[in-house]
Amino acid sequence: MDKNKDFESNLEEEDKELLRERCWQEGYKGASRDWLIRDASTKKFQIPAYSTMKESYLRLTESNNSRNMGKREQALLRKFREEAMSEIIKERETKTEIDDYCTEYEGNFHRDSFTTNDEFHTGMMEQIQKYPLYSSKPMSIYQFAVDRGTARTKDTFHKNSNFTKPLSEQLNDGPN
């Protein structure tokens, strides 16, 4: 009687798992299906009947793969592991103090002495009604220094005969 209940409950679980697999949807980008994530070492393998392998045979596990260690080596490994863990815990507990630094906001958008000009802001009622950008007071400023560059302002354009000819002459000349 108990075997039948166990068998029925196993069938119900398998049916639920199949239904979940068929109705699976990606919850986030790169999500894996449950059967991809499942740990294969805990699940017993179904071996085909024509194989000579049996489930009762000993399978290699991590403990079988690792070489035998002596007591001294185990004690050293334990000691190093504890030291590493204590160092990591100490590093996480210490808070790093942030020194004064200049950010883009502080450099260009913030000045301690800046105050808003209420008269200027209230004088633009048409813009306030038309554009939502002007509905609130300005909270920060933007400072901008114009880079003058390397060109001399007196001699920006030099006289060139190609520029001074009329367009009709330029088009009628053709290649020489």
Protein backbone atom coordinates (compact mmCIF):
# COMPACT_ATOMS: atom_id res chain seq x y z
CA MET A 1 0.00 0.00 0.00
CA ASP A 2 2.79 2.42 0.92
CA LYS A 3 4.65 1.53 -2.26
CA ASN A 4 1.63 2.54 -4.35
CA LYS A 5 1.40 5.92 -2.58
CA ASP A 6 5.11 6.53 -3.13
CA PHE A 7 4.77 5.54 -6.77
CA GLU A 8 1.75 7.85 -7.24
CA SER A 9 3.49 10.77 -5.52
CA ASN A 10 6.56 10.25 -7.73
CA LEU A 11 4.32 10.27 -10.81
CA GLU A 12 2.63 13.48 -9.66
CA GLU A 13 6.01 15.14 -9.08
CA GLU A 14 7.23 14.06 -12.52
CA ASP A 15 4.01 15.39 -14.11
CA LYS A 16 4.44 18.73 -12.33
CA GLU A 17 8.07 18.89 -13.43
CA LEU A 18 7.13 18.15 -17.05
CA LEU A 19 4.40 20.79 -16.95
CA ARG A 20 6.83 23.33 -15.46
CA GLU A 21 9.34 22.52 -18.20
CA ARG A 22 6.79 22.92 -20.99
CA CYS A 23 5.46 26.21 -19.61
CA TRP A 24 8.90 27.63 -18.84
CA GLN A 25 9.46 31.28 -19.67
CA GLU A 26 12.70 33.21 -19.49
CA GLY A 27 12.50 35.30 -16.31
CA TYR A 28 15.51 37.43 -17.18
CA LYS A 29 18.06 37.66 -19.96
CA GLY A 30 20.27 34.57 -19.93
CA ALA A 31 18.04 32.55 -17.58
CA SER A 32 18.71 28.82 -17.64
CA ARG A 33 16.16 26.08 -17.53
CA ASP A 34 15.93 24.09 -14.31
CA TRP A 35 17.30 20.94 -15.83
CA LEU A 36 20.46 22.80 -16.88
CA ILE A 37 21.12 24.00 -13.35
CA ARG A 38 20.26 20.76 -11.59
CA ASP A 39 23.15 18.99 -9.88
CA ALA A 40 23.75 15.72 -11.69
CA SER A 41 25.68 14.14 -8.84
CA THR A 42 22.59 13.86 -6.61
CA LYS A 43 20.40 12.28 -9.27
CA LYS A 44 20.71 8.57 -9.93
CA PHE A 45 21.48 7.71 -13.50
CA GLN A 46 19.11 5.54 -15.49
CA ILE A 47 21.29 2.89 -17.07
CA PRO A 48 19.99 1.09 -20.15
CA ALA A 49 19.23 -2.64 -19.84
CA TYR A 50 21.74 -3.66 -22.53
CA SER A 51 24.65 -2.16 -20.55
CA THR A 52 26.89 -4.22 -18.31
CA MET A 53 27.17 -1.30 -15.87
CA LYS A 54 25.15 -1.51 -12.67
CA GLU A 55 23.93 1.21 -10.34
CA SER A 56 25.46 -0.60 -7.39
CA TYR A 57 28.98 -0.15 -8.77
CA LEU A 58 31.12 2.38 -6.97
CA ARG A 59 31.27 5.77 -8.69
CA LEU A 60 34.13 8.17 -8.21
CA THR A 61 33.35 11.13 -5.99
CA GLU A 62 35.41 14.09 -4.85
CA SER A 63 36.67 12.25 -1.79
CA ASN A 64 37.81 9.35 -3.99
CA ASN A 65 39.49 11.70 -6.47
CA SER A 66 41.44 13.69 -3.88
CA ARG A 67 44.71 12.21 -2.73
CA ASN A 68 45.17 11.10 0.85
CA MET A 69 46.53 13.76 3.18
CA GLY A 70 48.33 13.33 6.43
CA LYS A 71 47.32 14.95 9.70
CA ARG A 72 50.03 17.60 9.46
CA GLU A 73 48.99 18.65 5.95
CA GLN A 74 45.32 18.77 6.97
CA ALA A 75 46.21 20.91 10.01
CA LEU A 76 48.25 23.30 7.84
CA LEU A 77 45.43 23.61 5.30
CA ARG A 78 42.92 24.25 8.10
CA LYS A 79 45.22 26.90 9.63
CA PHE A 80 45.74 28.70 6.30
CA ARG A 81 42.03 28.58 5.55
CA GLU A 82 41.21 30.14 8.95
CA GLU A 83 43.88 32.84 8.48
CA ALA A 84 42.55 33.71 5.03
CA MET A 85 38.99 33.89 6.32
CA SER A 86 40.00 36.13 9.24
CA GLU A 87 41.87 38.48 6.86
CA ILE A 88 38.84 38.70 4.58
CA ILE A 89 36.55 39.43 7.53
CA LYS A 90 38.91 42.18 8.78
CA GLU A 91 39.05 43.76 5.31
CA ARG A 92 35.27 43.83 5.08
CA GLU A 93 34.89 45.30 8.57
CA THR A 94 37.25 48.23 7.97
CA LYS A 95 35.54 51.15 6.29
CA THR A 96 37.53 53.10 3.76
CA GLU A 97 37.43 56.83 4.35
CA ILE A 98 36.78 58.87 1.25
CA ASP A 99 39.02 61.90 0.89
CA ASP A 100 37.78 65.11 -0.66
CA TYR A 101 37.60 64.69 -4.39
CA CYS A 102 36.27 66.77 -7.22
CA THR A 103 33.49 65.30 -9.31
CA GLU A 104 31.97 66.55 -12.57
CA TYR A 105 28.99 67.87 -10.63
CA GLU A 106 31.11 69.75 -8.10
CA GLY A 107 33.40 71.12 -10.81
CA ASN A 108 30.79 72.39 -13.27
CA PHE A 109 27.32 72.37 -11.71
CA HIS A 110 27.78 73.41 -8.09
CA ARG A 111 28.90 76.58 -6.36
CA ASP A 112 28.34 77.20 -2.66
CA SER A 113 27.51 80.87 -3.18
CA PHE A 114 24.89 80.18 -5.90
CA THR A 115 21.38 81.50 -5.22
CA THR A 116 18.46 81.42 -7.60
CA ASN A 117 17.08 84.65 -9.05
CA ASP A 118 13.35 84.47 -8.34
CA GLU A 119 12.52 87.60 -10.35
CA PHE A 120 14.07 86.15 -13.50
CA HIS A 121 12.24 82.88 -13.07
CA THR A 122 8.80 84.39 -12.44
CA GLY A 123 9.19 86.72 -15.43
CA MET A 124 8.94 83.79 -17.86
CA MET A 125 5.33 82.76 -17.29
CA GLU A 126 4.73 81.97 -20.98
CA GLN A 127 7.64 79.55 -21.09
CA ILE A 128 6.62 78.00 -17.77
CA GLN A 129 3.17 77.23 -19.16
CA LYS A 130 4.47 76.06 -22.53
CA TYR A 131 7.49 73.96 -21.51
CA PRO A 132 7.65 71.80 -18.37
CA LEU A 133 11.42 72.37 -18.14
CA TYR A 134 10.87 75.88 -16.79
CA SER A 135 8.24 74.88 -14.21
CA SER A 136 10.79 74.49 -11.38
CA LYS A 137 13.53 76.76 -10.09
CA PRO A 138 17.08 76.07 -11.22
CA MET A 139 18.89 74.13 -8.52
CA SER A 140 22.38 74.21 -10.00
CA ILE A 141 24.52 76.11 -12.46
CA TYR A 142 26.74 75.10 -15.32
CA GLN A 143 30.11 76.76 -15.70
CA PHE A 144 31.70 76.57 -19.09
CA ALA A 145 35.03 78.02 -20.17
CA VAL A 146 35.32 78.51 -23.93
CA ASP A 147 38.45 76.99 -25.38
CA ARG A 148 39.87 79.64 -27.69
CA GLY A 149 41.94 77.14 -29.63
CA THR A 150 45.20 77.81 -31.44
CA ALA A 151 43.99 79.88 -34.42
CA ARG A 152 44.67 83.61 -34.60
CA THR A 153 41.46 85.60 -34.82
CA LYS A 154 42.86 88.27 -37.19
CA ASP A 155 43.86 85.85 -39.97
CA THR A 156 41.13 83.23 -39.85
CA PHE A 157 40.56 83.09 -43.64
CA HIS A 158 43.22 83.69 -46.25
CA LYS A 159 42.45 85.01 -49.72
CA ASN A 160 42.15 82.23 -52.28
CA SER A 161 41.51 82.65 -56.01
CA ASN A 162 39.18 79.63 -56.08
CA PHE A 163 36.87 81.31 -53.61
CA THR A 164 36.87 84.70 -55.35
CA LYS A 165 35.90 83.53 -58.86
CA PRO A 166 32.20 83.64 -59.67
CA LEU A 167 30.45 80.29 -59.69
CA SER A 168 29.64 80.46 -63.41
CA GLU A 169 33.35 80.78 -64.26
CA GLN A 170 34.26 77.90 -61.98
CA LEU A 171 31.77 75.56 -63.68
CA ASN A 172 32.57 76.65 -67.27
CA ASP A 173 36.36 76.21 -67.01
CA GLY A 174 36.34 72.42 -67.05
CA PRO A 175 39.44 70.28 -66.66
CA ASN A 176 42.65 71.54 -68.31
